[in-house]
Protein backbone atom coordinates (compact mmCIF):
# COMPACT_ATOMS: atom_id res chain seq x y z
CA UNK A 1 0.00 0.00 0.00
CA UNK A 2 1.23 3.51 -0.67
CA UNK A 3 0.64 6.62 1.44
CA UNK A 4 -0.34 9.33 -1.06
CA UNK A 5 -3.09 11.76 -0.14
CA UNK A 6 -4.83 14.45 -2.11
CA UNK A 7 -3.17 17.49 -3.60
CA UNK A 8 -4.57 19.84 -0.94
CA UNK A 9 -3.27 17.78 1.98
CA UNK A 10 0.17 17.44 0.45
CA UNK A 11 0.78 21.05 -0.63
CA UNK A 12 -1.55 23.24 1.44
CA UNK A 13 -1.07 21.42 4.74
CA UNK A 14 2.55 20.19 4.45
CA UNK A 15 3.15 19.98 8.22
CA UNK A 16 0.66 17.11 8.59
CA UNK A 17 2.21 13.75 7.65
CA UNK A 18 0.40 11.42 5.30
CA UNK A 19 -1.41 8.56 7.06
CA UNK A 20 -2.82 5.24 5.92
CA UNK A 21 -4.78 2.58 7.80
CA UNK A 22 -4.07 -0.96 6.63
CA UNK A 23 -6.26 -3.68 8.15
CA UNK A 24 -6.77 -1.70 11.34
CA UNK A 25 -3.16 -0.54 11.80
CA UNK A 26 -2.36 3.14 11.27
CA UNK A 27 0.93 4.00 9.56
CA UNK A 28 2.30 7.52 9.17
CA UNK A 29 4.93 8.93 6.82
CA UNK A 30 8.21 9.77 8.49
CA UNK A 31 9.92 13.15 8.37
CA UNK A 32 12.14 11.85 5.58
CA UNK A 33 11.34 9.55 2.68
CA UNK A 34 13.21 6.49 3.98
CA UNK A 35 11.00 5.45 6.91
CA UNK A 36 7.49 5.09 8.32
CA UNK A 37 6.27 5.78 11.82
CA UNK A 38 3.88 3.78 13.97
CA UNK A 39 2.24 6.60 15.98
CA UNK A 40 1.70 6.37 19.73
CA UNK A 41 -2.08 6.15 19.42
CA UNK A 42 -1.85 3.21 16.96
CA UNK A 43 0.21 0.93 19.22
CA UNK A 44 -1.02 -1.93 21.38
CA UNK A 45 0.28 -4.71 23.64
CA UNK A 46 -0.28 -7.25 20.88
CA UNK A 47 2.37 -5.77 18.56
CA UNK A 48 5.84 -7.12 17.90
CA UNK A 49 8.54 -5.25 15.98
CA UNK A 50 11.30 -7.50 14.66
CA UNK A 51 10.09 -10.25 17.01
CA UNK A 52 10.20 -8.16 20.20
CA UNK A 53 7.15 -6.82 22.03
CA UNK A 54 6.57 -3.08 21.90
CA UNK A 55 7.87 -1.63 25.18
CA UNK A 56 5.27 0.53 26.90
CA UNK A 57 2.90 1.02 23.93
CA UNK A 58 1.74 4.59 23.43
CA UNK A 59 4.77 6.21 25.06
CA UNK A 60 6.65 7.16 21.88
CA UNK A 61 6.38 6.67 18.14
CA UNK A 62 8.17 3.67 16.61
CA UNK A 63 10.28 4.16 13.51
CA UNK A 64 10.01 1.49 10.80
CA UNK A 65 12.85 1.41 8.25
CA UNK A 66 13.18 -0.67 5.08
CA UNK A 67 12.80 -4.36 5.83
CA UNK A 68 11.30 -3.93 9.32
CA UNK A 69 8.68 -6.55 10.18
CA UNK A 70 5.67 -5.63 12.33
CA UNK A 71 3.46 -8.43 13.64
CA UNK A 72 0.04 -7.94 15.24
CA UNK A 73 -1.54 -10.76 17.24
CA UNK A 74 -5.30 -10.95 16.75
CA UNK A 75 -7.29 -13.77 18.37
CA UNK A 76 -5.52 -16.94 17.21
CA UNK A 77 -3.49 -15.56 14.30
CA UNK A 78 -0.72 -13.09 13.54
CA UNK A 79 -0.86 -10.47 10.84
CA UNK A 80 2.55 -9.64 9.44
CA UNK A 81 3.51 -6.33 7.80
CA UNK A 82 6.89 -5.72 6.17
CA UNK A 83 7.92 -2.21 5.19
CA UNK A 84 9.49 -2.08 1.75
CA UNK A 85 10.78 1.34 0.67
CA UNK A 86 10.33 2.47 -2.83
PDB file of N, CA and C in Angstrom:
ATOM      1  N   UNK A   1       0.838  -1.179   0.000  1.00  0.00           N
ATOM      2  CA  UNK A   1       0.000   0.000   0.000  1.00  0.00           C
ATOM      3  C   UNK A   1       0.878   1.235   0.000  1.00  0.00           C
ATOM      4  N   UNK A   2       0.469   2.260  -0.685  1.00  0.00           N
ATOM      5  CA  UNK A   2       1.234   3.508  -0.673  1.00  0.00           C
ATOM      6  C   UNK A   2       0.513   4.517   0.221  1.00  0.00           C
ATOM      7  N   UNK A   3       1.182   5.626   0.524  1.00  0.00           N
ATOM      8  CA  UNK A   3       0.638   6.623   1.440  1.00  0.00           C
ATOM      9  C   UNK A   3       0.164   7.924   0.797  1.00  0.00           C
ATOM     10  N   UNK A   4       0.004   8.027  -0.497  1.00  0.00           N
ATOM     11  CA  UNK A   4      -0.341   9.326  -1.057  1.00  0.00           C
ATOM     12  C   UNK A   4      -1.720   9.814  -0.608  1.00  0.00           C
ATOM     13  N   UNK A   5      -1.820  11.120  -0.453  1.00  0.00           N
ATOM     14  CA  UNK A   5      -3.090  11.763  -0.139  1.00  0.00           C
ATOM     15  C   UNK A   5      -3.410  12.737  -1.260  1.00  0.00           C
ATOM     16  N   UNK A   6      -4.440  13.486  -1.092  1.00  0.00           N
ATOM     17  CA  UNK A   6      -4.831  14.447  -2.111  1.00  0.00           C
ATOM     18  C   UNK A   6      -3.871  15.604  -2.237  1.00  0.00           C
ATOM     19  N   UNK A   7      -4.030  16.341  -3.315  1.00  0.00           N
ATOM     20  CA  UNK A   7      -3.170  17.491  -3.600  1.00  0.00           C
ATOM     21  C   UNK A   7      -3.224  18.521  -2.475  1.00  0.00           C
ATOM     22  N   UNK A   8      -4.416  18.818  -1.984  1.00  0.00           N
ATOM     23  CA  UNK A   8      -4.574  19.840  -0.942  1.00  0.00           C
ATOM     24  C   UNK A   8      -3.829  19.453   0.332  1.00  0.00           C
ATOM     25  N   UNK A   9      -3.956  18.202   0.754  1.00  0.00           N
ATOM     26  CA  UNK A   9      -3.268  17.778   1.976  1.00  0.00           C
ATOM     27  C   UNK A   9      -1.757  17.804   1.818  1.00  0.00           C
ATOM     28  N   UNK A  10      -1.272  17.482   0.650  1.00  0.00           N
ATOM     29  CA  UNK A  10       0.172  17.436   0.454  1.00  0.00           C
ATOM     30  C   UNK A  10       0.791  18.825   0.344  1.00  0.00           C
ATOM     31  N   UNK A  11       0.157  19.756  -0.367  1.00  0.00           N
ATOM     32  CA  UNK A  11       0.778  21.051  -0.633  1.00  0.00           C
ATOM     33  C   UNK A  11       0.235  22.198   0.203  1.00  0.00           C
ATOM     34  N   UNK A  12      -1.002  22.156   0.634  1.00  0.00           N
ATOM     35  CA  UNK A  12      -1.553  23.244   1.444  1.00  0.00           C
ATOM     36  C   UNK A  12      -1.381  23.009   2.942  1.00  0.00           C
ATOM     37  N   UNK A  13      -1.253  21.758   3.337  1.00  0.00           N
ATOM     38  CA  UNK A  13      -1.067  21.417   4.743  1.00  0.00           C
ATOM     39  C   UNK A  13       0.174  20.513   4.854  1.00  0.00           C
ATOM     40  N   UNK A  14       1.351  21.031   4.517  1.00  0.00           N
ATOM     41  CA  UNK A  14       2.546  20.189   4.453  1.00  0.00           C
ATOM     42  C   UNK A  14       3.073  19.727   5.807  1.00  0.00           C
ATOM     43  N   UNK A  15       2.661  20.354   6.905  1.00  0.00           N
ATOM     44  CA  UNK A  15       3.152  19.982   8.225  1.00  0.00           C
ATOM     45  C   UNK A  15       2.446  18.749   8.782  1.00  0.00           C
ATOM     46  N   UNK A  16       1.384  18.298   8.144  1.00  0.00           N
ATOM     47  CA  UNK A  16       0.659  17.114   8.595  1.00  0.00           C
ATOM     48  C   UNK A  16       1.117  15.908   7.768  1.00  0.00           C
ATOM     49  N   UNK A  17       1.705  14.904   8.417  1.00  0.00           N
ATOM     50  CA  UNK A  17       2.212  13.755   7.652  1.00  0.00           C
ATOM     51  C   UNK A  17       1.075  12.922   7.056  1.00  0.00           C
ATOM     52  N   UNK A  18       1.379  12.288   5.953  1.00  0.00           N
ATOM     53  CA  UNK A  18       0.402  11.420   5.305  1.00  0.00           C
ATOM     54  C   UNK A  18       0.197  10.176   6.159  1.00  0.00           C
ATOM     55  N   UNK A  19      -1.057   9.706   6.227  1.00  0.00           N
ATOM     56  CA  UNK A  19      -1.407   8.558   7.058  1.00  0.00           C
ATOM     57  C   UNK A  19      -2.201   7.558   6.232  1.00  0.00           C
ATOM     58  N   UNK A  20      -2.075   6.293   6.606  1.00  0.00           N
ATOM     59  CA  UNK A  20      -2.821   5.237   5.923  1.00  0.00           C
ATOM     60  C   UNK A  20      -3.131   4.141   6.938  1.00  0.00           C
ATOM     61  N   UNK A  21      -4.385   3.687   6.956  1.00  0.00           N
ATOM     62  CA  UNK A  21      -4.777   2.577   7.804  1.00  0.00           C
ATOM     63  C   UNK A  21      -4.852   1.320   6.944  1.00  0.00           C
ATOM     64  N   UNK A  22      -4.110   0.305   7.347  1.00  0.00           N
ATOM     65  CA  UNK A  22      -4.070  -0.964   6.627  1.00  0.00           C
ATOM     66  C   UNK A  22      -4.525  -2.051   7.594  1.00  0.00           C
ATOM     67  N   UNK A  23      -5.690  -2.618   7.312  1.00  0.00           N
ATOM     68  CA  UNK A  23      -6.262  -3.683   8.148  1.00  0.00           C
ATOM     69  C   UNK A  23      -6.263  -3.341   9.627  1.00  0.00           C
ATOM     70  N   UNK A  24      -6.638  -2.113   9.947  1.00  0.00           N
ATOM     71  CA  UNK A  24      -6.775  -1.698  11.340  1.00  0.00           C
ATOM     72  C   UNK A  24      -5.522  -1.148  11.981  1.00  0.00           C
ATOM     73  N   UNK A  25      -4.408  -1.077  11.255  1.00  0.00           N
ATOM     74  CA  UNK A  25      -3.163  -0.535  11.802  1.00  0.00           C
ATOM     75  C   UNK A  25      -2.851   0.764  11.073  1.00  0.00           C
ATOM     76  N   UNK A  26      -2.636   1.824  11.842  1.00  0.00           N
ATOM     77  CA  UNK A  26      -2.363   3.139  11.275  1.00  0.00           C
ATOM     78  C   UNK A  26      -0.868   3.337  11.089  1.00  0.00           C
ATOM     79  N   UNK A  27      -0.460   3.679   9.876  1.00  0.00           N
ATOM     80  CA  UNK A  27       0.931   3.996   9.558  1.00  0.00           C
ATOM     81  C   UNK A  27       1.003   5.457   9.150  1.00  0.00           C
ATOM     82  N   UNK A  28       2.116   6.098   9.456  1.00  0.00           N
ATOM     83  CA  UNK A  28       2.303   7.520   9.165  1.00  0.00           C
ATOM     84  C   UNK A  28       3.638   7.710   8.463  1.00  0.00           C
ATOM     85  N   UNK A  29       3.679   8.635   7.519  1.00  0.00           N
ATOM     86  CA  UNK A  29       4.927   8.932   6.819  1.00  0.00           C
ATOM     87  C   UNK A  29       5.918   9.569   7.784  1.00  0.00           C
ATOM     88  N   UNK A  30       7.166   9.195   7.650  1.00  0.00           N
ATOM     89  CA  UNK A  30       8.208   9.775   8.491  1.00  0.00           C
ATOM     90  C   UNK A  30       8.612  11.152   7.990  1.00  0.00           C
ATOM     91  N   UNK A  31       9.479  11.806   8.741  1.00  0.00           N
ATOM     92  CA  UNK A  31       9.918  13.150   8.369  1.00  0.00           C
ATOM     93  C   UNK A  31      10.778  13.143   7.108  1.00  0.00           C
ATOM     94  N   UNK A  32      11.377  12.012   6.809  1.00  0.00           N
ATOM     95  CA  UNK A  32      12.143  11.846   5.575  1.00  0.00           C
ATOM     96  C   UNK A  32      11.542  10.698   4.797  1.00  0.00           C
ATOM     97  N   UNK A  33      11.969  10.536   3.569  1.00  0.00           N
ATOM     98  CA  UNK A  33      11.340   9.554   2.681  1.00  0.00           C
ATOM     99  C   UNK A  33      11.779   8.114   2.913  1.00  0.00           C
ATOM    100  N   UNK A  34      12.693   7.846   3.838  1.00  0.00           N
ATOM    101  CA  UNK A  34      13.209   6.493   3.980  1.00  0.00           C
ATOM    102  C   UNK A  34      12.629   5.702   5.151  1.00  0.00           C
ATOM    103  N   UNK A  35      11.579   6.193   5.806  1.00  0.00           N
ATOM    104  CA  UNK A  35      11.000   5.446   6.909  1.00  0.00           C
ATOM    105  C   UNK A  35       9.523   5.776   7.130  1.00  0.00           C
ATOM    106  N   UNK A  36       8.865   4.882   7.868  1.00  0.00           N
ATOM    107  CA  UNK A  36       7.488   5.087   8.319  1.00  0.00           C
ATOM    108  C   UNK A  36       7.510   5.193   9.828  1.00  0.00           C
ATOM    109  N   UNK A  37       6.392   5.666  10.382  1.00  0.00           N
ATOM    110  CA  UNK A  37       6.266   5.784  11.824  1.00  0.00           C
ATOM    111  C   UNK A  37       4.978   5.092  12.250  1.00  0.00           C
ATOM    112  N   UNK A  38       5.053   4.347  13.335  1.00  0.00           N
ATOM    113  CA  UNK A  38       3.878   3.776  13.966  1.00  0.00           C
ATOM    114  C   UNK A  38       3.548   4.715  15.125  1.00  0.00           C
ATOM    115  N   UNK A  39       2.520   5.587  14.970  1.00  0.00           N
ATOM    116  CA  UNK A  39       2.236   6.603  15.980  1.00  0.00           C
ATOM    117  C   UNK A  39       1.862   6.001  17.335  1.00  0.00           C
ATOM    118  N   UNK A  40       1.990   6.810  18.365  1.00  0.00           N
ATOM    119  CA  UNK A  40       1.702   6.375  19.725  1.00  0.00           C
ATOM    120  C   UNK A  40       0.281   5.838  19.866  1.00  0.00           C
ATOM    121  N   UNK A  41      -0.679   6.534  19.274  1.00  0.00           N
ATOM    122  CA  UNK A  41      -2.084   6.150  19.424  1.00  0.00           C
ATOM    123  C   UNK A  41      -2.453   4.898  18.622  1.00  0.00           C
ATOM    124  N   UNK A  42      -1.572   4.395  17.774  1.00  0.00           N
ATOM    125  CA  UNK A  42      -1.849   3.207  16.965  1.00  0.00           C
ATOM    126  C   UNK A  42      -1.219   1.942  17.543  1.00  0.00           C
ATOM    127  N   UNK A  43      -0.497   2.057  18.645  1.00  0.00           N
ATOM    128  CA  UNK A  43       0.215   0.929  19.217  1.00  0.00           C
ATOM    129  C   UNK A  43      -0.653   0.167  20.222  1.00  0.00           C
ATOM    130  N   UNK A  44      -0.322  -1.121  20.394  1.00  0.00           N
ATOM    131  CA  UNK A  44      -1.025  -1.934  21.384  1.00  0.00           C
ATOM    132  C   UNK A  44      -0.075  -2.980  21.961  1.00  0.00           C
ATOM    133  N   UNK A  45      -0.527  -3.663  23.007  1.00  0.00           N
ATOM    134  CA  UNK A  45       0.284  -4.710  23.643  1.00  0.00           C
ATOM    135  C   UNK A  45       0.489  -5.915  22.745  1.00  0.00           C
ATOM    136  N   UNK A  46      -0.352  -6.061  21.740  1.00  0.00           N
ATOM    137  CA  UNK A  46      -0.283  -7.247  20.883  1.00  0.00           C
ATOM    138  C   UNK A  46       0.652  -7.067  19.688  1.00  0.00           C
ATOM    139  N   UNK A  47       1.475  -6.034  19.682  1.00  0.00           N
ATOM    140  CA  UNK A  47       2.375  -5.767  18.555  1.00  0.00           C
ATOM    141  C   UNK A  47       3.801  -6.196  18.857  1.00  0.00           C
ATOM    142  N   UNK A  48       4.432  -6.747  17.821  1.00  0.00           N
ATOM    143  CA  UNK A  48       5.838  -7.123  17.900  1.00  0.00           C
ATOM    144  C   UNK A  48       6.572  -6.469  16.730  1.00  0.00           C
ATOM    145  N   UNK A  49       7.699  -5.842  17.023  1.00  0.00           N
ATOM    146  CA  UNK A  49       8.537  -5.246  15.981  1.00  0.00           C
ATOM    147  C   UNK A  49       9.834  -6.034  15.955  1.00  0.00           C
ATOM    148  N   UNK A  50      10.116  -6.652  14.819  1.00  0.00           N
ATOM    149  CA  UNK A  50      11.300  -7.505  14.656  1.00  0.00           C
ATOM    150  C   UNK A  50      11.335  -8.604  15.719  1.00  0.00           C
ATOM    151  N   UNK A  51      10.173  -9.138  16.071  1.00  0.00           N
ATOM    152  CA  UNK A  51      10.089 -10.253  17.010  1.00  0.00           C
ATOM    153  C   UNK A  51      10.053  -9.880  18.474  1.00  0.00           C
ATOM    154  N   UNK A  52      10.214  -8.605  18.803  1.00  0.00           N
ATOM    155  CA  UNK A  52      10.199  -8.159  20.201  1.00  0.00           C
ATOM    156  C   UNK A  52       8.931  -7.348  20.479  1.00  0.00           C
ATOM    157  N   UNK A  53       8.346  -7.564  21.638  1.00  0.00           N
ATOM    158  CA  UNK A  53       7.149  -6.824  22.026  1.00  0.00           C
ATOM    159  C   UNK A  53       7.446  -5.333  22.099  1.00  0.00           C
ATOM    160  N   UNK A  54       6.437  -4.537  21.814  1.00  0.00           N
ATOM    161  CA  UNK A  54       6.573  -3.085  21.905  1.00  0.00           C
ATOM    162  C   UNK A  54       6.638  -2.720  23.381  1.00  0.00           C
ATOM    163  N   UNK A  55       7.720  -2.051  23.790  1.00  0.00           N
ATOM    164  CA  UNK A  55       7.871  -1.635  25.178  1.00  0.00           C
ATOM    165  C   UNK A  55       6.986  -0.431  25.465  1.00  0.00           C
ATOM    166  N   UNK A  56       6.143  -0.551  26.459  1.00  0.00           N
ATOM    167  CA  UNK A  56       5.270   0.531  26.898  1.00  0.00           C
ATOM    168  C   UNK A  56       4.549   1.192  25.722  1.00  0.00           C
ATOM    169  N   UNK A  57       3.596   0.477  25.104  1.00  0.00           N
ATOM    170  CA  UNK A  57       2.903   1.022  23.925  1.00  0.00           C
ATOM    171  C   UNK A  57       2.241   2.359  24.217  1.00  0.00           C
ATOM    172  N   UNK A  58       2.351   3.282  23.286  1.00  0.00           N
ATOM    173  CA  UNK A  58       1.744   4.590  23.431  1.00  0.00           C
ATOM    174  C   UNK A  58       2.646   5.631  24.057  1.00  0.00           C
ATOM    175  N   UNK A  59       3.857   5.257  24.436  1.00  0.00           N
ATOM    176  CA  UNK A  59       4.769   6.213  25.056  1.00  0.00           C
ATOM    177  C   UNK A  59       5.496   7.064  24.021  1.00  0.00           C
ATOM    178  N   UNK A  60       5.954   6.416  22.937  1.00  0.00           N
ATOM    179  CA  UNK A  60       6.652   7.156  21.881  1.00  0.00           C
ATOM    180  C   UNK A  60       6.409   6.465  20.545  1.00  0.00           C
ATOM    181  N   UNK A  61       6.572   7.207  19.484  1.00  0.00           N
ATOM    182  CA  UNK A  61       6.384   6.666  18.137  1.00  0.00           C
ATOM    183  C   UNK A  61       7.508   5.681  17.821  1.00  0.00           C
ATOM    184  N   UNK A  62       7.190   4.675  17.007  1.00  0.00           N
ATOM    185  CA  UNK A  62       8.173   3.667  16.613  1.00  0.00           C
ATOM    186  C   UNK A  62       8.520   3.878  15.143  1.00  0.00           C
ATOM    187  N   UNK A  63       9.801   3.948  14.871  1.00  0.00           N
ATOM    188  CA  UNK A  63      10.281   4.164  13.506  1.00  0.00           C
ATOM    189  C   UNK A  63      10.452   2.826  12.803  1.00  0.00           C
ATOM    190  N   UNK A  64       9.908   2.705  11.600  1.00  0.00           N
ATOM    191  CA  UNK A  64      10.013   1.489  10.800  1.00  0.00           C
ATOM    192  C   UNK A  64      10.830   1.810   9.554  1.00  0.00           C
ATOM    193  N   UNK A  65      11.986   1.181   9.420  1.00  0.00           N
ATOM    194  CA  UNK A  65      12.850   1.405   8.253  1.00  0.00           C
ATOM    195  C   UNK A  65      12.673   0.248   7.278  1.00  0.00           C
ATOM    196  N   UNK A  66      13.310   0.346   6.129  1.00  0.00           N
ATOM    197  CA  UNK A  66      13.182  -0.665   5.075  1.00  0.00           C
ATOM    198  C   UNK A  66      13.518  -2.062   5.603  1.00  0.00           C
ATOM    199  N   UNK A  67      12.599  -2.992   5.403  1.00  0.00           N
ATOM    200  CA  UNK A  67      12.799  -4.364   5.832  1.00  0.00           C
ATOM    201  C   UNK A  67      12.289  -4.685   7.228  1.00  0.00           C
ATOM    202  N   UNK A  68      11.809  -3.692   7.972  1.00  0.00           N
ATOM    203  CA  UNK A  68      11.299  -3.931   9.318  1.00  0.00           C
ATOM    204  C   UNK A  68       9.994  -4.719   9.253  1.00  0.00           C
ATOM    205  N   UNK A  69       9.875  -5.709  10.128  1.00  0.00           N
ATOM    206  CA  UNK A  69       8.683  -6.548  10.182  1.00  0.00           C
ATOM    207  C   UNK A  69       7.878  -6.199  11.427  1.00  0.00           C
ATOM    208  N   UNK A  70       6.602  -5.898  11.234  1.00  0.00           N
ATOM    209  CA  UNK A  70       5.667  -5.626  12.329  1.00  0.00           C
ATOM    210  C   UNK A  70       4.650  -6.750  12.348  1.00  0.00           C
ATOM    211  N   UNK A  71       4.454  -7.372  13.509  1.00  0.00           N
ATOM    212  CA  UNK A  71       3.459  -8.429  13.644  1.00  0.00           C
ATOM    213  C   UNK A  71       2.412  -7.985  14.664  1.00  0.00           C
ATOM    214  N   UNK A  72       1.150  -8.279  14.357  1.00  0.00           N
ATOM    215  CA  UNK A  72       0.044  -7.939  15.244  1.00  0.00           C
ATOM    216  C   UNK A  72      -0.709  -9.225  15.545  1.00  0.00           C
ATOM    217  N   UNK A  73      -0.811  -9.562  16.827  1.00  0.00           N
ATOM    218  CA  UNK A  73      -1.542 -10.757  17.240  1.00  0.00           C
ATOM    219  C   UNK A  73      -3.020 -10.411  17.390  1.00  0.00           C
ATOM    220  N   UNK A  74      -3.848 -11.142  16.666  1.00  0.00           N
ATOM    221  CA  UNK A  74      -5.295 -10.952  16.750  1.00  0.00           C
ATOM    222  C   UNK A  74      -5.938 -12.307  16.914  1.00  0.00           C
ATOM    223  N   UNK A  75      -6.666 -12.493  17.980  1.00  0.00           N
ATOM    224  CA  UNK A  75      -7.292 -13.768  18.365  1.00  0.00           C
ATOM    225  C   UNK A  75      -6.294 -14.913  18.238  1.00  0.00           C
ATOM    226  N   UNK A  76      -6.433 -15.800  17.300  1.00  0.00           N
ATOM    227  CA  UNK A  76      -5.522 -16.940  17.211  1.00  0.00           C
ATOM    228  C   UNK A  76      -4.595 -16.873  15.993  1.00  0.00           C
ATOM    229  N   UNK A  77      -4.357 -15.688  15.471  1.00  0.00           N
ATOM    230  CA  UNK A  77      -3.492 -15.563  14.300  1.00  0.00           C
ATOM    231  C   UNK A  77      -2.635 -14.305  14.409  1.00  0.00           C
ATOM    232  N   UNK A  78      -1.599 -14.265  13.597  1.00  0.00           N
ATOM    233  CA  UNK A  78      -0.718 -13.085  13.543  1.00  0.00           C
ATOM    234  C   UNK A  78      -0.772 -12.490  12.151  1.00  0.00           C
ATOM    235  N   UNK A  79      -0.945 -11.186  12.110  1.00  0.00           N
ATOM    236  CA  UNK A  79      -0.856 -10.475  10.839  1.00  0.00           C
ATOM    237  C   UNK A  79       0.550  -9.904  10.762  1.00  0.00           C
ATOM    238  N   UNK A  80       1.161 -10.054   9.604  1.00  0.00           N
ATOM    239  CA  UNK A  80       2.551  -9.636   9.441  1.00  0.00           C
ATOM    240  C   UNK A  80       2.638  -8.547   8.380  1.00  0.00           C
ATOM    241  N   UNK A  81       3.304  -7.458   8.717  1.00  0.00           N
ATOM    242  CA  UNK A  81       3.512  -6.333   7.803  1.00  0.00           C
ATOM    243  C   UNK A  81       5.021  -6.131   7.655  1.00  0.00           C
ATOM    244  N   UNK A  82       5.486  -5.995   6.431  1.00  0.00           N
ATOM    245  CA  UNK A  82       6.894  -5.725   6.173  1.00  0.00           C
ATOM    246  C   UNK A  82       6.974  -4.434   5.378  1.00  0.00           C
ATOM    247  N   UNK A  83       7.756  -3.480   5.896  1.00  0.00           N
ATOM    248  CA  UNK A  83       7.920  -2.206   5.189  1.00  0.00           C
ATOM    249  C   UNK A  83       8.974  -2.366   4.106  1.00  0.00           C
ATOM    250  N   UNK A  84       8.581  -2.037   2.893  1.00  0.00           N
ATOM    251  CA  UNK A  84       9.488  -2.076   1.746  1.00  0.00           C
ATOM    252  C   UNK A  84       9.510  -0.675   1.138  1.00  0.00           C
ATOM    253  N   UNK A  85      10.656  -0.014   1.203  1.00  0.00           N
ATOM    254  CA  UNK A  85      10.779   1.345   0.670  1.00  0.00           C
ATOM    255  C   UNK A  85      10.799   1.300  -0.843  1.00  0.00           C
ATOM    256  N   UNK A  86      10.179   2.322  -1.409  1.00  0.00           N
ATOM    257  CA  UNK A  86      10.332   2.466  -2.828  1.00  0.00           C
ATOM    258  C   UNK A  86       9.162   2.214  -3.630  1.00  0.00           C
TER     259      UNK A  86
END
